[in-house]
Amino acid sequence: MKITPELLTNLSTIRDYIRWAASQFTEAQVCFGHGTSCALDEAAALVLHTIHQPYNLSEFYLESVLTPTERVAIVDIIHRRIKKRIPAAYLTHEAIFTGLSFYVDERVLVPRSPIAELIEQRFAPWVEEDNVVRILDLCTGSACIAIACGYAFRNALVDAVDLSEDALAVAEINVAKHLMEDSVTLYQSDLFQQLPAARYDIIVSNPPYVSTLEWTNLPDEFHAEPAMGFKGGESGLDLVLRILVDAADYLAEQGILVVEVGSSAETLQSIFPDVPFYWLDFDRGGDGVFLLTAEQVQHYSPLFTAALD
């Protein structure tokens, strides 16, 4: 993709560059799924970021004529997105989750979990909002889930756990950005292992759940993200099984466990055909998220332990 005088002359407005970028993405067959779902949305996000405008910019301003410097900057970022297959969020260093802005880079997965919708609903009807005092986010990554929970439950303390030092460095940036130091505590831990003894009203997790074979076949954009955030072993469920085994020791009596297992949902249900996983539905799309009550986790604990052994 060359930045030619003809290109810069023929395209002049914000709308022109969004339309052009969307066409370039479609022609190059780039993969979406890191916060946007189509070429036009991704083009708008990158163009508006590059000219330092909000994502909800009034349509009136789309006819604004861009400066030569702005045009060159837009063409450059679109070129990088296509040539290197870098997720847009890594180019902008920003991802939106539950309507909140989070810093992201190549040290963490790009936030995009359907759990966002559940947090916005304050996990209703599964918990009473006023009764939630402690929340645990396992495999926190950028800490987007933990921080969003901190906003949703202002009186709760949130513990956020990750094994990756790199991920925790990004999480620390976001905790400071959202002034959540008094509400969100970060722990470096292999799931529950280094976590102090506690009982949580909500344990929520978006752990690595992609099987080895599926990981190999993912598009290039996903391979730009840290492999540690995806790989869940041969079945995809190595970490999920460990969470199921140990969660009973950390859930409050009326607590709930919410875990995203994505494409491994069918595999999990086939391993435990008698476990009544409640598979959540989301108005904005997404699936593969189950919920179990503390009572259910305790009741089926022998099955979970046997499967892990």
Protein backbone atom coordinates (compact mmCIF):
# COMPACT_ATOMS: atom_id res chain seq x y z
CA MET A 1 0.00 0.00 0.00
CA LYS A 2 1.65 3.20 -1.19
CA ILE A 3 0.85 6.68 0.01
CA THR A 4 0.44 8.36 -3.37
CA PRO A 5 -0.48 11.98 -4.13
CA GLU A 6 -3.56 10.70 -5.93
CA LEU A 7 -4.73 8.82 -2.85
CA LEU A 8 -4.29 11.80 -0.55
CA THR A 9 -5.99 14.12 -3.05
CA ASN A 10 -8.99 11.93 -3.88
CA LEU A 11 -9.80 11.22 -0.24
CA SER A 12 -10.40 14.31 1.85
CA THR A 13 -13.03 13.88 4.57
CA ILE A 14 -13.25 11.67 7.64
CA ARG A 15 -16.06 9.76 5.93
CA ASP A 16 -13.85 9.21 2.85
CA TYR A 17 -11.09 7.64 4.92
CA ILE A 18 -13.43 5.42 6.93
CA ARG A 19 -15.00 4.11 3.74
CA TRP A 20 -11.60 3.63 2.09
CA ALA A 21 -10.12 1.84 5.12
CA ALA A 22 -13.12 -0.50 5.32
CA SER A 23 -12.63 -1.41 1.66
CA GLN A 24 -8.93 -2.06 2.27
CA PHE A 25 -9.74 -4.35 5.20
CA THR A 26 -12.28 -6.29 3.18
CA GLU A 27 -9.94 -6.71 0.24
CA ALA A 28 -7.10 -7.87 2.51
CA GLN A 29 -9.44 -10.25 4.39
CA VAL A 30 -8.28 -9.13 7.81
CA CYS A 31 -9.83 -10.87 10.81
CA PHE A 32 -11.99 -9.00 13.31
CA GLY A 33 -13.16 -10.00 16.76
CA HIS A 34 -11.02 -7.83 19.02
CA GLY A 35 -13.65 -5.28 19.94
CA THR A 36 -15.16 -4.77 16.50
CA SER A 37 -17.09 -7.20 14.35
CA CYS A 38 -16.86 -5.77 10.84
CA ALA A 39 -14.61 -3.78 8.50
CA LEU A 40 -16.59 -0.55 8.79
CA ASP A 41 -16.55 -0.48 12.60
CA GLU A 42 -12.83 -1.22 12.72
CA ALA A 43 -12.11 1.44 10.11
CA ALA A 44 -14.08 4.02 12.08
CA ALA A 45 -12.30 3.12 15.30
CA LEU A 46 -8.83 3.47 13.78
CA VAL A 47 -9.53 6.61 11.79
CA LEU A 48 -11.15 8.43 14.71
CA HIS A 49 -8.39 7.38 17.09
CA THR A 50 -5.73 8.62 14.69
CA ILE A 51 -7.26 12.10 14.48
CA HIS A 52 -7.89 12.19 18.24
CA GLN A 53 -11.67 12.18 18.03
CA PRO A 54 -14.16 10.20 20.16
CA TYR A 55 -15.79 7.03 18.88
CA ASN A 56 -19.22 8.65 19.19
CA LEU A 57 -18.30 11.65 17.05
CA SER A 58 -21.38 13.35 15.63
CA GLU A 59 -22.12 12.37 12.04
CA PHE A 60 -22.09 16.08 11.20
CA TYR A 61 -18.31 16.14 11.60
CA LEU A 62 -17.70 13.20 9.26
CA GLU A 63 -17.65 15.68 6.40
CA SER A 64 -14.73 17.56 7.96
CA VAL A 65 -11.72 17.83 5.63
CA LEU A 66 -8.56 16.27 7.03
CA THR A 67 -5.16 17.93 6.98
CA PRO A 68 -2.35 16.38 4.89
CA THR A 69 -0.64 15.23 8.08
CA GLU A 70 -3.79 13.51 9.32
CA ARG A 71 -4.27 11.77 5.98
CA VAL A 72 -0.74 10.36 6.01
CA ALA A 73 -1.15 9.17 9.63
CA ILE A 74 -4.41 7.37 8.78
CA VAL A 75 -2.95 5.61 5.75
CA ASP A 76 0.05 4.55 7.85
CA ILE A 77 -2.02 2.97 10.65
CA ILE A 78 -4.30 1.19 8.18
CA HIS A 79 -1.23 -0.15 6.41
CA ARG A 80 0.19 -1.48 9.69
CA ARG A 81 -3.11 -3.12 10.60
CA ILE A 82 -3.19 -4.98 7.29
CA LYS A 83 0.48 -5.75 6.77
CA LYS A 84 1.29 -6.97 10.29
CA ARG A 85 -2.19 -8.29 11.24
CA ILE A 86 -1.98 -6.46 14.55
CA PRO A 87 -5.29 -6.17 16.44
CA ALA A 88 -6.53 -2.59 16.32
CA ALA A 89 -6.45 -2.27 20.11
CA TYR A 90 -2.69 -2.78 20.10
CA LEU A 91 -2.31 0.04 17.59
CA THR A 92 -4.44 2.42 19.63
CA HIS A 93 -3.45 1.02 23.06
CA GLU A 94 -7.07 1.22 24.06
CA ALA A 95 -9.95 -1.21 24.44
CA ILE A 96 -13.51 -0.45 25.56
CA PHE A 97 -15.08 -2.85 28.05
CA THR A 98 -18.39 -2.16 29.84
CA GLY A 99 -18.16 1.33 28.37
CA LEU A 100 -14.85 1.95 30.13
CA SER A 101 -11.50 2.66 28.51
CA PHE A 102 -8.58 0.32 29.28
CA TYR A 103 -4.94 0.49 28.32
CA VAL A 104 -3.80 -2.62 26.44
CA ASP A 105 -0.67 -3.79 24.66
CA GLU A 106 0.83 -7.07 23.48
CA ARG A 107 1.30 -8.29 27.07
CA VAL A 108 -2.44 -8.99 27.52
CA LEU A 109 -5.38 -10.28 25.54
CA VAL A 110 -7.63 -7.62 24.07
CA PRO A 111 -10.75 -7.36 26.33
CA ARG A 112 -13.85 -8.66 24.56
CA SER A 113 -15.61 -11.09 26.89
CA PRO A 114 -19.44 -11.28 26.92
CA ILE A 115 -19.08 -11.27 30.71
CA ALA A 116 -19.13 -7.48 30.30
CA GLU A 117 -22.89 -7.64 29.86
CA LEU A 118 -23.28 -9.69 33.03
CA ILE A 119 -21.24 -7.15 35.01
CA GLU A 120 -23.38 -4.29 33.69
CA GLN A 121 -26.40 -6.19 35.03
CA ARG A 122 -24.57 -6.63 38.36
CA PHE A 123 -24.90 -10.40 37.98
CA ALA A 124 -28.65 -10.16 38.50
CA PRO A 125 -30.66 -12.16 39.32
CA TRP A 126 -27.98 -14.44 40.69
CA VAL A 127 -26.82 -12.25 43.56
CA GLU A 128 -28.24 -9.44 45.67
CA GLU A 129 -26.15 -6.37 44.86
CA ASP A 130 -26.08 -5.09 48.45
CA ASN A 131 -24.83 -8.47 49.72
CA VAL A 132 -21.75 -8.58 47.48
CA VAL A 133 -18.71 -7.62 49.53
CA ARG A 134 -15.90 -9.66 47.96
CA ILE A 135 -15.22 -10.57 44.33
CA LEU A 136 -12.43 -12.63 42.79
CA ASP A 137 -11.30 -12.30 39.18
CA LEU A 138 -9.09 -15.21 38.13
CA CYS A 139 -6.77 -14.78 35.11
CA THR A 140 -7.37 -11.04 35.21
CA GLY A 141 -5.10 -10.00 32.31
CA SER A 142 -5.63 -6.26 31.84
CA ALA A 143 -7.86 -6.24 34.95
CA CYS A 144 -10.83 -5.09 32.87
CA ILE A 145 -13.24 -7.54 34.55
CA ALA A 146 -11.94 -6.74 38.04
CA ILE A 147 -12.15 -2.98 37.53
CA ALA A 148 -15.58 -3.16 35.90
CA CYS A 149 -16.75 -5.17 38.92
CA GLY A 150 -15.29 -2.47 41.15
CA TYR A 151 -17.48 0.11 39.41
CA ALA A 152 -20.56 -2.13 39.50
CA PHE A 153 -20.18 -2.99 43.20
CA ARG A 154 -18.88 0.15 44.86
CA ASN A 155 -18.85 -1.36 48.35
CA ALA A 156 -17.05 -4.57 47.39
CA LEU A 157 -13.38 -5.46 47.52
CA VAL A 158 -12.05 -7.11 44.37
CA ASP A 159 -9.06 -9.43 44.20
CA ALA A 160 -7.53 -9.88 40.74
CA VAL A 161 -5.19 -12.78 40.03
CA ASP A 162 -2.82 -13.58 37.19
CA LEU A 163 0.29 -15.73 36.84
CA SER A 164 1.89 -13.47 34.23
CA GLU A 165 4.10 -10.64 35.50
CA ASP A 166 3.62 -8.87 32.17
CA ALA A 167 -0.15 -9.01 32.46
CA LEU A 168 -0.04 -7.72 36.02
CA ALA A 169 2.09 -4.77 34.89
CA VAL A 170 -0.69 -3.79 32.48
CA ALA A 171 -3.32 -4.47 35.15
CA GLU A 172 -1.47 -2.08 37.48
CA ILE A 173 -1.63 0.65 34.83
CA ASN A 174 -5.39 0.22 34.56
CA VAL A 175 -5.99 0.09 38.32
CA ALA A 176 -4.16 3.42 38.62
CA LYS A 177 -5.94 4.85 35.58
CA HIS A 178 -9.33 4.15 37.15
CA LEU A 179 -8.26 5.17 40.68
CA MET A 180 -9.16 1.72 41.97
CA GLU A 181 -6.17 1.16 44.27
CA ASP A 182 -8.41 1.01 47.34
CA SER A 183 -10.89 -1.41 45.76
CA VAL A 184 -8.85 -3.74 43.52
CA THR A 185 -5.90 -5.77 44.82
CA LEU A 186 -3.61 -7.54 42.37
CA TYR A 187 -2.02 -10.92 43.13
CA GLN A 188 0.52 -12.92 41.19
CA SER A 189 -0.73 -16.44 41.62
CA ASP A 190 -1.28 -19.69 39.76
CA LEU A 191 -5.06 -19.55 40.12
CA PHE A 192 -5.83 -19.98 43.85
CA GLN A 193 -2.40 -21.23 44.94
CA GLN A 194 -0.82 -18.01 46.26
CA LEU A 195 -4.11 -16.38 47.21
CA PRO A 196 -4.84 -15.72 50.90
CA ALA A 197 -7.72 -17.69 52.39
CA ALA A 198 -11.00 -15.89 51.76
CA ARG A 199 -14.62 -16.45 50.80
CA TYR A 200 -16.02 -14.65 47.76
CA ASP A 201 -19.56 -13.78 46.82
CA ILE A 202 -18.60 -13.87 43.13
CA ILE A 203 -15.75 -15.73 41.50
CA VAL A 204 -15.49 -14.80 37.84
CA SER A 205 -12.93 -15.97 35.33
CA ASN A 206 -12.07 -15.77 31.65
CA PRO A 207 -9.20 -18.29 31.71
CA PRO A 208 -7.22 -19.79 28.83
CA TYR A 209 -9.62 -22.31 27.26
CA VAL A 210 -8.45 -22.88 23.68
CA SER A 211 -7.36 -26.41 22.78
CA THR A 212 -3.94 -27.00 21.26
CA LEU A 213 -5.40 -27.84 17.85
CA GLU A 214 -7.74 -24.85 17.81
CA TRP A 215 -4.91 -22.51 18.83
CA THR A 216 -2.80 -23.67 15.88
CA ASN A 217 -5.59 -22.82 13.44
CA LEU A 218 -6.51 -19.37 14.77
CA PRO A 219 -6.06 -16.37 12.42
CA ASP A 220 -2.87 -14.31 12.59
CA GLU A 221 -4.49 -11.54 14.64
CA PHE A 222 -5.00 -13.96 17.52
CA HIS A 223 -1.40 -15.12 17.33
CA ALA A 224 -0.37 -11.50 17.89
CA GLU A 225 -1.80 -11.87 21.41
CA PRO A 226 0.05 -13.69 24.23
CA ALA A 227 -0.29 -17.45 23.75
CA MET A 228 -0.46 -17.90 27.51
CA GLY A 229 -3.85 -16.22 27.49
CA PHE A 230 -5.28 -18.78 25.08
CA LYS A 231 -3.74 -22.21 25.58
CA GLY A 232 -5.77 -24.48 27.81
CA GLY A 233 -4.03 -27.74 27.03
CA GLU A 234 -5.03 -30.53 24.70
CA SER A 235 -8.72 -30.32 25.64
CA GLY A 236 -8.69 -26.58 26.35
CA LEU A 237 -9.94 -27.23 29.87
CA ASP A 238 -6.79 -27.72 31.96
CA LEU A 239 -7.26 -24.52 33.96
CA VAL A 240 -11.05 -24.71 33.98
CA LEU A 241 -10.96 -28.10 35.71
CA ARG A 242 -8.59 -26.75 38.36
CA ILE A 243 -10.94 -23.83 38.98
CA LEU A 244 -13.89 -26.20 39.38
CA VAL A 245 -11.97 -28.32 41.87
CA ASP A 246 -10.73 -25.49 44.10
CA ALA A 247 -13.60 -22.98 43.88
CA ALA A 248 -15.58 -24.69 46.64
CA ASP A 249 -12.95 -23.63 49.19
CA TYR A 250 -13.26 -19.96 48.19
CA LEU A 251 -16.96 -19.42 47.55
CA ALA A 252 -19.22 -17.87 50.16
CA GLU A 253 -22.33 -19.84 51.10
CA GLN A 254 -24.54 -17.93 48.65
CA GLY A 255 -21.74 -17.29 46.17
CA ILE A 256 -21.62 -17.96 42.45
CA LEU A 257 -18.94 -19.13 40.04
CA VAL A 258 -18.96 -17.66 36.52
CA VAL A 259 -16.45 -18.97 33.97
CA GLU A 260 -16.04 -18.36 30.27
CA VAL A 261 -15.02 -21.49 28.36
CA GLY A 262 -15.94 -20.33 24.86
CA SER A 263 -15.44 -22.96 22.20
CA SER A 264 -14.72 -25.61 24.85
CA ALA A 265 -18.27 -25.48 26.22
CA GLU A 266 -19.38 -28.63 24.41
CA THR A 267 -16.30 -30.50 25.61
CA LEU A 268 -16.93 -29.46 29.22
CA GLN A 269 -20.56 -30.52 29.13
CA SER A 270 -19.62 -33.87 27.60
CA ILE A 271 -17.12 -34.52 30.40
CA PHE A 272 -19.78 -33.74 33.03
CA PRO A 273 -23.14 -34.68 31.47
CA ASP A 274 -24.87 -34.70 34.88
CA VAL A 275 -23.66 -31.29 36.03
CA PRO A 276 -26.35 -28.62 35.52
CA PHE A 277 -24.14 -25.89 34.11
CA TYR A 278 -26.28 -22.83 33.48
CA TRP A 279 -25.18 -21.49 30.09
CA LEU A 280 -25.79 -17.77 30.04
CA ASP A 281 -27.40 -15.91 27.14
CA PHE A 282 -26.27 -12.44 26.10
CA ASP A 283 -28.26 -9.82 24.23
CA ARG A 284 -25.15 -8.48 22.49
CA GLY A 285 -23.88 -11.88 21.41
CA GLY A 286 -21.33 -14.32 22.77
CA ASP A 287 -21.69 -17.68 24.45
CA GLY A 288 -19.75 -20.36 26.29
CA VAL A 289 -20.12 -18.80 29.76
CA PHE A 290 -21.45 -20.98 32.56
CA LEU A 291 -22.69 -20.26 36.05
CA LEU A 292 -22.77 -22.57 39.06
CA THR A 293 -23.90 -21.77 42.58
CA ALA A 294 -21.65 -22.48 45.56
CA GLU A 295 -24.00 -25.30 46.53
CA GLN A 296 -23.63 -26.89 43.09
CA VAL A 297 -19.86 -26.51 43.08
CA GLN A 298 -19.71 -28.22 46.47
CA HIS A 299 -22.14 -30.97 45.49
CA TYR A 300 -20.27 -31.93 42.31
CA SER A 301 -16.81 -31.47 43.78
CA PRO A 302 -16.06 -35.25 43.79
CA LEU A 303 -16.80 -35.41 40.04
CA PHE A 304 -14.54 -32.44 39.32
CA THR A 305 -11.72 -33.89 41.43
CA ALA A 306 -12.01 -37.31 39.76
CA ALA A 307 -11.78 -35.71 36.31
CA LEU A 308 -8.68 -33.75 37.28
CA ASP A 309 -6.99 -36.84 38.69
